[in-house]
Amino acid sequence: MSELLLISEEVAAALANGRPVVALETSIVGQGLPPPHNLRAAFECEAAIRHEGGVPATVAVLDGRLRVGLSDSDLERIAAGAVKVSSRDLGAALAKGEVGATTVAATVRAAAMAGIRFFATGGIGGVHRGHPEDQSADLVELGTTAVAVFCAGAKIILDLPFTLERLESLGVPVLGYMCDEFPAFYTRHSGCPVNARVDTPEETARVIEASWATGTHGLVVAIPPPAELESAEEFVELAVKGLTGVSGPEVTPRLLARVAELSGGRSLDLNVDLVVNNARIAARVAAAFAALG
């Protein structure tokens, strides 16, 4: 195990005893949501996992270590100011001792290093609209790392058909949890079918187990949001059209912030609700998987 990886005592004990563990990212705390929504999302996700009998393993870069399992004060440090850390940025962030909020890609990698196979987030990254060459590292990590990612699909600001095509090319199964259509973050409908539907934690666990047994790496478990944001697509179109002078990792936070402004803050509340719902279902599936023996 790398000396750069530090697993909390609670998470290490849960892994050793075969208890269900669910990883959580911190980019939602550092960049994805403004206060107080960011810490509310973090604390409520952890609480939802504990309520289902699981152990949360929130990930960040702190004090030169890749930390798996954080305290409340650690999360508050992230909320106070952190750099965004994707998988490519881990080395630099660790060596420089930065306070780093991990993205989906970085968290998936950290989870795999720690031996955690279940991870919950809001929405994965993907292919950007109008720029098929601009593809999130989340997709590459899913194609190479054996972790199941529970999400409300991909962020609606992305090109969802191209994102699904890329996942197909990478051999990543997309399961619809109680749905036949790939969710689009703020809405249940994208017009894109999932690869297979699953309707219970037990069925989901069996499909995941069989997928890993036959050589699959990452999987996406797409969960419809608990509510819908009215006029979501219209807000996204306006946000994309108004985006100028922004590139790279700042694109997604800026677009989501604009959607929040256009929706009068309704998208922020829905974002919190859906990520907590994803964490809850991930914990249920992790428990069902542990019960398979």
C-alpha atoms as a PDB file:
ATOM      1  CA  MET A   1       0.000   0.000   0.000  1.00  0.00           C
ATOM      2  CA  SER A   2       1.356   3.422  -0.934  1.00  0.00           C
ATOM      3  CA  GLU A   3       2.645   5.515   1.970  1.00  0.00           C
ATOM      4  CA  LEU A   4       0.761   8.400   0.381  1.00  0.00           C
ATOM      5  CA  LEU A   5      -2.567   6.695   1.093  1.00  0.00           C
ATOM      6  CA  LEU A   6      -4.088   7.182   4.548  1.00  0.00           C
ATOM      7  CA  ILE A   7      -7.256   5.233   5.370  1.00  0.00           C
ATOM      8  CA  SER A   8      -9.168   6.252   8.489  1.00  0.00           C
ATOM      9  CA  GLU A   9      -9.443   3.741  11.324  1.00  0.00           C
ATOM     10  CA  GLU A  10     -13.209   3.459  10.850  1.00  0.00           C
ATOM     11  CA  VAL A  11     -12.947   2.719   7.136  1.00  0.00           C
ATOM     12  CA  ALA A  12     -10.036   0.309   7.586  1.00  0.00           C
ATOM     13  CA  ALA A  13     -11.953  -1.620  10.254  1.00  0.00           C
ATOM     14  CA  ALA A  14     -15.063  -1.794   8.061  1.00  0.00           C
ATOM     15  CA  LEU A  15     -13.063  -3.144   5.131  1.00  0.00           C
ATOM     16  CA  ALA A  16     -11.320  -5.713   7.323  1.00  0.00           C
ATOM     17  CA  ASN A  17     -14.670  -6.924   8.691  1.00  0.00           C
ATOM     18  CA  GLY A  18     -16.428  -7.081   5.321  1.00  0.00           C
ATOM     19  CA  ARG A  19     -18.862  -4.275   6.112  1.00  0.00           C
ATOM     20  CA  PRO A  20     -20.330  -2.222   3.226  1.00  0.00           C
ATOM     21  CA  VAL A  21     -18.230   0.863   2.473  1.00  0.00           C
ATOM     22  CA  VAL A  22     -19.171   3.627   0.014  1.00  0.00           C
ATOM     23  CA  ALA A  23     -16.668   6.208  -1.230  1.00  0.00           C
ATOM     24  CA  LEU A  24     -17.663   9.855  -1.682  1.00  0.00           C
ATOM     25  CA  GLU A  25     -15.933  12.641  -3.577  1.00  0.00           C
ATOM     26  CA  THR A  26     -15.182  16.156  -2.340  1.00  0.00           C
ATOM     27  CA  SER A  27     -15.238  18.183  -5.543  1.00  0.00           C
ATOM     28  CA  ILE A  28     -18.903  18.815  -4.767  1.00  0.00           C
ATOM     29  CA  VAL A  29     -17.731  20.446  -1.521  1.00  0.00           C
ATOM     30  CA  GLY A  30     -14.808  22.379  -2.951  1.00  0.00           C
ATOM     31  CA  GLN A  31     -16.209  23.497  -6.297  1.00  0.00           C
ATOM     32  CA  GLY A  32     -19.532  21.880  -7.220  1.00  0.00           C
ATOM     33  CA  LEU A  33     -21.903  23.573  -4.792  1.00  0.00           C
ATOM     34  CA  PRO A  34     -21.833  26.925  -2.977  1.00  0.00           C
ATOM     35  CA  PRO A  35     -22.214  27.167   0.811  1.00  0.00           C
ATOM     36  CA  PRO A  36     -24.230  26.042   2.682  1.00  0.00           C
ATOM     37  CA  HIS A  37     -25.311  23.440   0.104  1.00  0.00           C
ATOM     38  CA  ASN A  38     -21.807  21.959  -0.207  1.00  0.00           C
ATOM     39  CA  LEU A  39     -21.408  20.861   3.397  1.00  0.00           C
ATOM     40  CA  ARG A  40     -25.064  19.928   3.650  1.00  0.00           C
ATOM     41  CA  ALA A  41     -24.548  17.505   0.751  1.00  0.00           C
ATOM     42  CA  ALA A  42     -21.400  16.046   2.309  1.00  0.00           C
ATOM     43  CA  PHE A  43     -22.865  15.529   5.777  1.00  0.00           C
ATOM     44  CA  GLU A  44     -26.214  14.204   4.532  1.00  0.00           C
ATOM     45  CA  CYS A  45     -24.527  11.717   2.174  1.00  0.00           C
ATOM     46  CA  GLU A  46     -22.474  10.331   5.048  1.00  0.00           C
ATOM     47  CA  ALA A  47     -25.564  10.173   7.259  1.00  0.00           C
ATOM     48  CA  ALA A  48     -27.567   8.347   4.564  1.00  0.00           C
ATOM     49  CA  ILE A  49     -24.851   5.701   4.192  1.00  0.00           C
ATOM     50  CA  ARG A  50     -24.679   5.187   7.970  1.00  0.00           C
ATOM     51  CA  HIS A  51     -28.465   4.920   8.164  1.00  0.00           C
ATOM     52  CA  GLU A  52     -28.278   1.975   5.747  1.00  0.00           C
ATOM     53  CA  GLY A  53     -25.660   0.248   7.897  1.00  0.00           C
ATOM     54  CA  GLY A  54     -22.683   1.258   5.766  1.00  0.00           C
ATOM     55  CA  VAL A  55     -19.545   3.270   6.368  1.00  0.00           C
ATOM     56  CA  PRO A  56     -18.829   6.434   4.322  1.00  0.00           C
ATOM     57  CA  ALA A  57     -15.313   6.903   2.964  1.00  0.00           C
ATOM     58  CA  THR A  58     -15.043  10.493   1.819  1.00  0.00           C
ATOM     59  CA  VAL A  59     -11.867  11.201  -0.162  1.00  0.00           C
ATOM     60  CA  ALA A  60      -9.599  14.258  -0.376  1.00  0.00           C
ATOM     61  CA  VAL A  61      -5.962  15.311  -0.562  1.00  0.00           C
ATOM     62  CA  LEU A  62      -4.833  16.753   2.771  1.00  0.00           C
ATOM     63  CA  ASP A  63      -1.406  17.318   4.311  1.00  0.00           C
ATOM     64  CA  GLY A  64       0.447  15.425   1.605  1.00  0.00           C
ATOM     65  CA  ARG A  65      -1.712  12.303   1.900  1.00  0.00           C
ATOM     66  CA  LEU A  66      -4.547  10.842  -0.131  1.00  0.00           C
ATOM     67  CA  ARG A  67      -7.114  10.570   2.645  1.00  0.00           C
ATOM     68  CA  VAL A  68      -9.917   7.989   2.600  1.00  0.00           C
ATOM     69  CA  GLY A  69     -12.359   8.730   5.411  1.00  0.00           C
ATOM     70  CA  LEU A  70     -12.640  12.313   6.677  1.00  0.00           C
ATOM     71  CA  SER A  71     -13.743  14.068   9.849  1.00  0.00           C
ATOM     72  CA  ASP A  72     -16.195  16.974   9.920  1.00  0.00           C
ATOM     73  CA  SER A  73     -13.289  19.379  10.400  1.00  0.00           C
ATOM     74  CA  ASP A  74     -11.557  17.900   7.340  1.00  0.00           C
ATOM     75  CA  LEU A  75     -14.652  18.587   5.267  1.00  0.00           C
ATOM     76  CA  GLU A  76     -14.781  22.125   6.591  1.00  0.00           C
ATOM     77  CA  ARG A  77     -11.175  22.619   5.436  1.00  0.00           C
ATOM     78  CA  ILE A  78     -12.187  21.525   1.948  1.00  0.00           C
ATOM     79  CA  ALA A  79     -15.173  23.885   1.975  1.00  0.00           C
ATOM     80  CA  ALA A  80     -12.955  26.789   3.056  1.00  0.00           C
ATOM     81  CA  GLY A  81     -10.884  26.518  -0.115  1.00  0.00           C
ATOM     82  CA  ALA A  82      -9.443  23.662  -2.143  1.00  0.00           C
ATOM     83  CA  VAL A  83      -7.978  23.004  -5.562  1.00  0.00           C
ATOM     84  CA  LYS A  84      -9.834  20.660  -7.881  1.00  0.00           C
ATOM     85  CA  VAL A  85      -7.949  17.372  -8.166  1.00  0.00           C
ATOM     86  CA  SER A  86      -8.606  14.903 -10.968  1.00  0.00           C
ATOM     87  CA  SER A  87      -6.689  11.649 -11.384  1.00  0.00           C
ATOM     88  CA  ARG A  88      -3.930  13.353 -13.397  1.00  0.00           C
ATOM     89  CA  ASP A  89      -3.453  15.955 -10.651  1.00  0.00           C
ATOM     90  CA  LEU A  90      -2.966  13.596  -7.712  1.00  0.00           C
ATOM     91  CA  GLY A  91       0.823  13.491  -7.885  1.00  0.00           C
ATOM     92  CA  ALA A  92       1.288  17.253  -7.961  1.00  0.00           C
ATOM     93  CA  ALA A  93      -1.328  17.916  -5.278  1.00  0.00           C
ATOM     94  CA  LEU A  94       0.237  15.348  -2.940  1.00  0.00           C
ATOM     95  CA  ALA A  95       3.817  16.482  -3.505  1.00  0.00           C
ATOM     96  CA  LYS A  96       2.915  20.147  -3.009  1.00  0.00           C
ATOM     97  CA  GLY A  97       0.851  19.507   0.128  1.00  0.00           C
ATOM     98  CA  GLU A  98      -2.232  21.144  -1.332  1.00  0.00           C
ATOM     99  CA  VAL A  99      -5.747  21.004   0.059  1.00  0.00           C
ATOM    100  CA  GLY A 100      -7.399  19.070  -2.744  1.00  0.00           C
ATOM    101  CA  ALA A 101     -11.032  18.257  -3.504  1.00  0.00           C
ATOM    102  CA  THR A 102     -11.164  15.041  -5.526  1.00  0.00           C
ATOM    103  CA  THR A 103     -13.268  14.619  -8.655  1.00  0.00           C
ATOM    104  CA  VAL A 104     -15.057  11.438  -9.703  1.00  0.00           C
ATOM    105  CA  ALA A 105     -11.953  10.186 -11.528  1.00  0.00           C
ATOM    106  CA  ALA A 106      -9.591  10.831  -8.620  1.00  0.00           C
ATOM    107  CA  THR A 107     -12.025   9.385  -6.090  1.00  0.00           C
ATOM    108  CA  VAL A 108     -12.576   6.219  -8.129  1.00  0.00           C
ATOM    109  CA  ARG A 109      -8.815   5.711  -8.244  1.00  0.00           C
ATOM    110  CA  ALA A 110      -8.426   6.337  -4.513  1.00  0.00           C
ATOM    111  CA  ALA A 111     -11.304   3.976  -3.743  1.00  0.00           C
ATOM    112  CA  ALA A 112      -9.669   1.213  -5.764  1.00  0.00           C
ATOM    113  CA  MET A 113      -6.341   1.793  -4.014  1.00  0.00           C
ATOM    114  CA  ALA A 114      -8.096   1.399  -0.668  1.00  0.00           C
ATOM    115  CA  GLY A 115     -10.055  -1.694  -1.715  1.00  0.00           C
ATOM    116  CA  ILE A 116     -13.443   0.056  -1.907  1.00  0.00           C
ATOM    117  CA  ARG A 117     -15.667  -0.985  -4.805  1.00  0.00           C
ATOM    118  CA  PHE A 118     -18.714   1.267  -4.403  1.00  0.00           C
ATOM    119  CA  PHE A 119     -18.824   5.022  -4.954  1.00  0.00           C
ATOM    120  CA  ALA A 120     -21.665   7.563  -4.988  1.00  0.00           C
ATOM    121  CA  THR A 121     -21.693  10.965  -6.647  1.00  0.00           C
ATOM    122  CA  GLY A 122     -24.139  13.397  -8.231  1.00  0.00           C
ATOM    123  CA  GLY A 123     -23.382  12.971 -11.921  1.00  0.00           C
ATOM    124  CA  ILE A 124     -20.379  11.718 -13.843  1.00  0.00           C
ATOM    125  CA  GLY A 125     -18.462  13.801 -16.355  1.00  0.00           C
ATOM    126  CA  GLY A 126     -18.570  13.028 -20.053  1.00  0.00           C
ATOM    127  CA  VAL A 127     -18.255  14.499 -23.533  1.00  0.00           C
ATOM    128  CA  HIS A 128     -18.820  18.255 -23.780  1.00  0.00           C
ATOM    129  CA  ARG A 129     -21.425  19.655 -26.130  1.00  0.00           C
ATOM    130  CA  GLY A 130     -19.941  20.813 -29.417  1.00  0.00           C
ATOM    131  CA  HIS A 131     -16.483  19.577 -28.417  1.00  0.00           C
ATOM    132  CA  PRO A 132     -16.245  15.788 -28.828  1.00  0.00           C
ATOM    133  CA  GLU A 133     -12.514  15.984 -28.215  1.00  0.00           C
ATOM    134  CA  ASP A 134     -13.186  17.317 -24.700  1.00  0.00           C
ATOM    135  CA  GLN A 135     -13.875  14.186 -22.674  1.00  0.00           C
ATOM    136  CA  SER A 136     -13.826  13.845 -18.909  1.00  0.00           C
ATOM    137  CA  ALA A 137     -11.192  11.717 -17.210  1.00  0.00           C
ATOM    138  CA  ASP A 138     -14.132  10.116 -15.379  1.00  0.00           C
ATOM    139  CA  LEU A 139     -14.827   8.021 -18.478  1.00  0.00           C
ATOM    140  CA  VAL A 140     -11.258   6.753 -18.782  1.00  0.00           C
ATOM    141  CA  GLU A 141     -11.133   5.867 -15.094  1.00  0.00           C
ATOM    142  CA  LEU A 142     -14.416   3.961 -15.376  1.00  0.00           C
ATOM    143  CA  GLY A 143     -12.955   1.988 -18.259  1.00  0.00           C
ATOM    144  CA  THR A 144      -9.926   0.868 -16.275  1.00  0.00           C
ATOM    145  CA  THR A 145     -10.920   0.681 -12.593  1.00  0.00           C
ATOM    146  CA  ALA A 146     -13.227  -1.916 -11.006  1.00  0.00           C
ATOM    147  CA  VAL A 147     -15.507   0.404  -9.050  1.00  0.00           C
ATOM    148  CA  ALA A 148     -19.298   0.728  -9.348  1.00  0.00           C
ATOM    149  CA  VAL A 149     -20.319   4.381  -9.656  1.00  0.00           C
ATOM    150  CA  PHE A 150     -23.820   5.358  -8.495  1.00  0.00           C
ATOM    151  CA  CYS A 151     -25.014   8.605 -10.057  1.00  0.00           C
ATOM    152  CA  ALA A 152     -27.978  10.446 -11.564  1.00  0.00           C
ATOM    153  CA  GLY A 153     -26.516   9.798 -14.999  1.00  0.00           C
ATOM    154  CA  ALA A 154     -24.152  12.361 -16.504  1.00  0.00           C
ATOM    155  CA  LYS A 155     -24.474  16.095 -15.998  1.00  0.00           C
ATOM    156  CA  ILE A 156     -27.166  17.527 -18.277  1.00  0.00           C
ATOM    157  CA  ILE A 157     -24.750  20.170 -19.580  1.00  0.00           C
ATOM    158  CA  LEU A 158     -22.912  17.397 -21.474  1.00  0.00           C
ATOM    159  CA  ASP A 159     -23.530  15.614 -24.763  1.00  0.00           C
ATOM    160  CA  LEU A 160     -25.277  12.560 -23.351  1.00  0.00           C
ATOM    161  CA  PRO A 161     -25.489  10.403 -26.515  1.00  0.00           C
ATOM    162  CA  PHE A 162     -21.762  10.886 -27.168  1.00  0.00           C
ATOM    163  CA  THR A 163     -20.997  10.208 -23.504  1.00  0.00           C
ATOM    164  CA  LEU A 164     -22.856   6.895 -23.660  1.00  0.00           C
ATOM    165  CA  GLU A 165     -21.110   5.976 -26.909  1.00  0.00           C
ATOM    166  CA  ARG A 166     -17.762   6.599 -25.262  1.00  0.00           C
ATOM    167  CA  LEU A 167     -18.729   4.450 -22.271  1.00  0.00           C
ATOM    168  CA  GLU A 168     -19.731   1.696 -24.694  1.00  0.00           C
ATOM    169  CA  SER A 169     -16.343   1.925 -26.425  1.00  0.00           C
ATOM    170  CA  LEU A 170     -14.647   1.595 -23.045  1.00  0.00           C
ATOM    171  CA  GLY A 171     -16.717  -1.475 -22.168  1.00  0.00           C
ATOM    172  CA  VAL A 172     -18.496   0.194 -19.242  1.00  0.00           C
ATOM    173  CA  PRO A 173     -21.997  -1.214 -18.536  1.00  0.00           C
ATOM    174  CA  VAL A 174     -24.669   1.369 -17.766  1.00  0.00           C
ATOM    175  CA  LEU A 175     -27.362  -0.038 -15.488  1.00  0.00           C
ATOM    176  CA  GLY A 176     -30.646   1.787 -14.959  1.00  0.00           C
ATOM    177  CA  TYR A 177     -31.815   1.545 -11.355  1.00  0.00           C
ATOM    178  CA  MET A 178     -35.607   1.206 -11.654  1.00  0.00           C
ATOM    179  CA  CYS A 179     -35.452   2.942 -15.040  1.00  0.00           C
ATOM    180  CA  ASP A 180     -35.022   2.108 -18.724  1.00  0.00           C
ATOM    181  CA  GLU A 181     -33.793   5.548 -19.743  1.00  0.00           C
ATOM    182  CA  PHE A 182     -30.470   7.158 -18.835  1.00  0.00           C
ATOM    183  CA  PRO A 183     -31.171  10.025 -16.406  1.00  0.00           C
ATOM    184  CA  ALA A 184     -29.902  13.490 -17.254  1.00  0.00           C
ATOM    185  CA  PHE A 185     -29.041  14.706 -13.746  1.00  0.00           C
ATOM    186  CA  TYR A 186     -31.839  17.248 -13.221  1.00  0.00           C
ATOM    187  CA  THR A 187     -34.368  15.175 -15.158  1.00  0.00           C
ATOM    188  CA  ARG A 188     -35.291  11.506 -15.509  1.00  0.00           C
ATOM    189  CA  HIS A 189     -35.400  11.730 -19.298  1.00  0.00           C
ATOM    190  CA  SER A 190     -32.599  11.915 -21.830  1.00  0.00           C
ATOM    191  CA  GLY A 191     -34.030   9.853 -24.673  1.00  0.00           C
ATOM    192  CA  CYS A 192     -31.094   7.441 -24.309  1.00  0.00           C
ATOM    193  CA  PRO A 193     -31.630   3.817 -23.237  1.00  0.00           C
ATOM    194  CA  VAL A 194     -29.535   2.096 -20.579  1.00  0.00           C
ATOM    195  CA  ASN A 195     -27.815  -1.245 -21.227  1.00  0.00           C
ATOM    196  CA  ALA A 196     -29.838  -3.137 -18.631  1.00  0.00           C
ATOM    197  CA  ARG A 197     -32.442  -2.393 -15.986  1.00  0.00           C
ATOM    198  CA  VAL A 198     -32.153  -3.451 -12.334  1.00  0.00           C
ATOM    199  CA  ASP A 199     -34.954  -3.031  -9.817  1.00  0.00           C
ATOM    200  CA  THR A 200     -33.618  -3.998  -6.387  1.00  0.00           C
ATOM    201  CA  PRO A 201     -30.354  -3.746  -4.446  1.00  0.00           C
ATOM    202  CA  GLU A 202     -30.051  -7.542  -4.563  1.00  0.00           C
ATOM    203  CA  GLU A 203     -30.465  -7.717  -8.340  1.00  0.00           C
ATOM    204  CA  THR A 204     -28.008  -4.864  -8.790  1.00  0.00           C
ATOM    205  CA  ALA A 205     -25.459  -6.619  -6.579  1.00  0.00           C
ATOM    206  CA  ARG A 206     -25.782  -9.849  -8.560  1.00  0.00           C
ATOM    207  CA  VAL A 207     -25.277  -8.058 -11.884  1.00  0.00           C
ATOM    208  CA  ILE A 208     -22.239  -6.229 -10.521  1.00  0.00           C
ATOM    209  CA  GLU A 209     -20.767  -9.450  -9.141  1.00  0.00           C
ATOM    210  CA  ALA A 210     -21.248 -11.265 -12.456  1.00  0.00           C
ATOM    211  CA  SER A 211     -19.812  -8.323 -14.389  1.00  0.00           C
ATOM    212  CA  TRP A 212     -16.646  -8.215 -12.314  1.00  0.00           C
ATOM    213  CA  ALA A 213     -16.330 -12.010 -12.482  1.00  0.00           C
ATOM    214  CA  THR A 214     -16.279 -11.810 -16.279  1.00  0.00           C
ATOM    215  CA  GLY A 215     -13.681  -9.064 -16.591  1.00  0.00           C
ATOM    216  CA  THR A 216     -15.640  -5.820 -16.470  1.00  0.00           C
ATOM    217  CA  HIS A 217     -13.879  -2.907 -14.812  1.00  0.00           C
ATOM    218  CA  GLY A 218     -16.057   0.086 -13.917  1.00  0.00           C
ATOM    219  CA  LEU A 219     -19.848   0.153 -13.982  1.00  0.00           C
ATOM    220  CA  VAL A 220     -22.346   2.996 -13.943  1.00  0.00           C
ATOM    221  CA  VAL A 221     -25.530   2.556 -11.914  1.00  0.00           C
ATOM    222  CA  ALA A 222     -27.785   5.368 -13.113  1.00  0.00           C
ATOM    223  CA  ILE A 223     -30.472   6.465 -10.655  1.00  0.00           C
ATOM    224  CA  PRO A 224     -33.285   8.854 -11.627  1.00  0.00           C
ATOM    225  CA  PRO A 225     -33.315  12.067  -9.557  1.00  0.00           C
ATOM    226  CA  PRO A 226     -35.972  12.116  -6.803  1.00  0.00           C
ATOM    227  CA  ALA A 227     -37.599  15.165  -8.449  1.00  0.00           C
ATOM    228  CA  GLU A 228     -37.275  17.062 -11.723  1.00  0.00           C
ATOM    229  CA  LEU A 229     -36.069  20.572 -12.474  1.00  0.00           C
ATOM    230  CA  GLU A 230     -38.657  22.221 -14.694  1.00  0.00           C
ATOM    231  CA  SER A 231     -37.157  23.851 -17.828  1.00  0.00           C
ATOM    232  CA  ALA A 232     -33.790  22.192 -17.123  1.00  0.00           C
ATOM    233  CA  GLU A 233     -32.848  21.829 -20.802  1.00  0.00           C
ATOM    234  CA  GLU A 234     -33.768  25.451 -21.506  1.00  0.00           C
ATOM    235  CA  PHE A 235     -31.566  26.626 -18.641  1.00  0.00           C
ATOM    236  CA  VAL A 236     -28.659  24.531 -19.927  1.00  0.00           C
ATOM    237  CA  GLU A 237     -28.984  25.908 -23.452  1.00  0.00           C
ATOM    238  CA  LEU A 238     -28.882  29.462 -22.113  1.00  0.00           C
ATOM    239  CA  ALA A 239     -25.902  28.653 -19.892  1.00  0.00           C
ATOM    240  CA  VAL A 240     -23.926  27.076 -22.736  1.00  0.00           C
ATOM    241  CA  LYS A 241     -24.642  29.978 -25.089  1.00  0.00           C
ATOM    242  CA  GLY A 242     -23.484  32.489 -22.485  1.00  0.00           C
ATOM    243  CA  LEU A 243     -20.225  30.715 -21.664  1.00  0.00           C
ATOM    244  CA  THR A 244     -17.222  32.678 -22.903  1.00  0.00           C
ATOM    245  CA  GLY A 245     -13.589  32.879 -21.871  1.00  0.00           C
ATOM    246  CA  VAL A 246     -13.726  29.695 -19.809  1.00  0.00           C
ATOM    247  CA  SER A 247     -11.987  26.406 -20.523  1.00  0.00           C
ATOM    248  CA  GLY A 248     -10.717  23.252 -18.874  1.00  0.00           C
ATOM    249  CA  PRO A 249     -11.843  22.231 -15.396  1.00  0.00           C
ATOM    250  CA  GLU A 250     -13.661  25.547 -14.835  1.00  0.00           C
ATOM    251  CA  VAL A 251     -16.280  24.853 -17.515  1.00  0.00           C
ATOM    252  CA  THR A 252     -18.530  22.511 -15.538  1.00  0.00           C
ATOM    253  CA  PRO A 253     -18.650  24.564 -12.282  1.00  0.00           C
ATOM    254  CA  ARG A 254     -19.376  27.735 -14.264  1.00  0.00           C
ATOM    255  CA  LEU A 255     -22.195  26.125 -16.227  1.00  0.00           C
ATOM    256  CA  LEU A 256     -23.765  24.602 -13.124  1.00  0.00           C
ATOM    257  CA  ALA A 257     -23.547  27.949 -11.339  1.00  0.00           C
ATOM    258  CA  ARG A 258     -25.349  29.604 -14.238  1.00  0.00           C
ATOM    259  CA  VAL A 259     -28.079  26.947 -14.184  1.00  0.00           C
ATOM    260  CA  ALA A 260     -28.485  27.605 -10.458  1.00  0.00           C
ATOM    261  CA  GLU A 261     -28.891  31.316 -11.163  1.00  0.00           C
ATOM    262  CA  LEU A 262     -31.395  30.763 -13.956  1.00  0.00           C
ATOM    263  CA  SER A 263     -33.444  28.327 -11.841  1.00  0.00           C
ATOM    264  CA  GLY A 264     -33.590  30.637  -8.857  1.00  0.00           C
ATOM    265  CA  GLY A 265     -31.569  28.211  -6.769  1.00  0.00           C
ATOM    266  CA  ARG A 266     -33.897  25.265  -7.351  1.00  0.00           C
ATOM    267  CA  SER A 267     -31.138  23.275  -9.062  1.00  0.00           C
ATOM    268  CA  LEU A 268     -28.989  23.513  -5.910  1.00  0.00           C
ATOM    269  CA  ASP A 269     -31.599  21.902  -3.674  1.00  0.00           C
ATOM    270  CA  LEU A 270     -32.213  19.180  -6.253  1.00  0.00           C
ATOM    271  CA  ASN A 271     -28.471  18.588  -6.558  1.00  0.00           C
ATOM    272  CA  VAL A 272     -28.235  17.932  -2.822  1.00  0.00           C
ATOM    273  CA  ASP A 273     -31.308  15.698  -2.818  1.00  0.00           C
ATOM    274  CA  LEU A 274     -30.145  13.555  -5.715  1.00  0.00           C
ATOM    275  CA  VAL A 275     -26.594  13.008  -4.457  1.00  0.00           C
ATOM    276  CA  VAL A 276     -27.936  11.961  -1.037  1.00  0.00           C
ATOM    277  CA  ASN A 277     -30.388   9.603  -2.756  1.00  0.00           C
ATOM    278  CA  ASN A 278     -27.523   8.120  -4.782  1.00  0.00           C
ATOM    279  CA  ALA A 279     -25.470   7.578  -1.622  1.00  0.00           C
ATOM    280  CA  ARG A 280     -28.409   5.850   0.067  1.00  0.00           C
ATOM    281  CA  ILE A 281     -28.935   3.431  -2.828  1.00  0.00           C
ATOM    282  CA  ALA A 282     -25.202   2.776  -3.165  1.00  0.00           C
ATOM    283  CA  ALA A 283     -25.113   1.759   0.512  1.00  0.00           C
ATOM    284  CA  ARG A 284     -28.053  -0.596   0.029  1.00  0.00           C
ATOM    285  CA  VAL A 285     -26.374  -2.262  -2.949  1.00  0.00           C
ATOM    286  CA  ALA A 286     -23.032  -2.454  -1.132  1.00  0.00           C
ATOM    287  CA  ALA A 287     -24.810  -4.225   1.736  1.00  0.00           C
ATOM    288  CA  ALA A 288     -26.517  -6.635  -0.676  1.00  0.00           C
ATOM    289  CA  PHE A 289     -23.160  -7.321  -2.342  1.00  0.00           C
ATOM    290  CA  ALA A 290     -21.533  -8.058   1.042  1.00  0.00           C
ATOM    291  CA  ALA A 291     -24.353 -10.502   1.774  1.00  0.00           C
ATOM    292  CA  LEU A 292     -23.514 -12.482  -1.373  1.00  0.00           C
ATOM    293  CA  GLY A 293     -20.441 -13.749   0.443  1.00  0.00           C
END
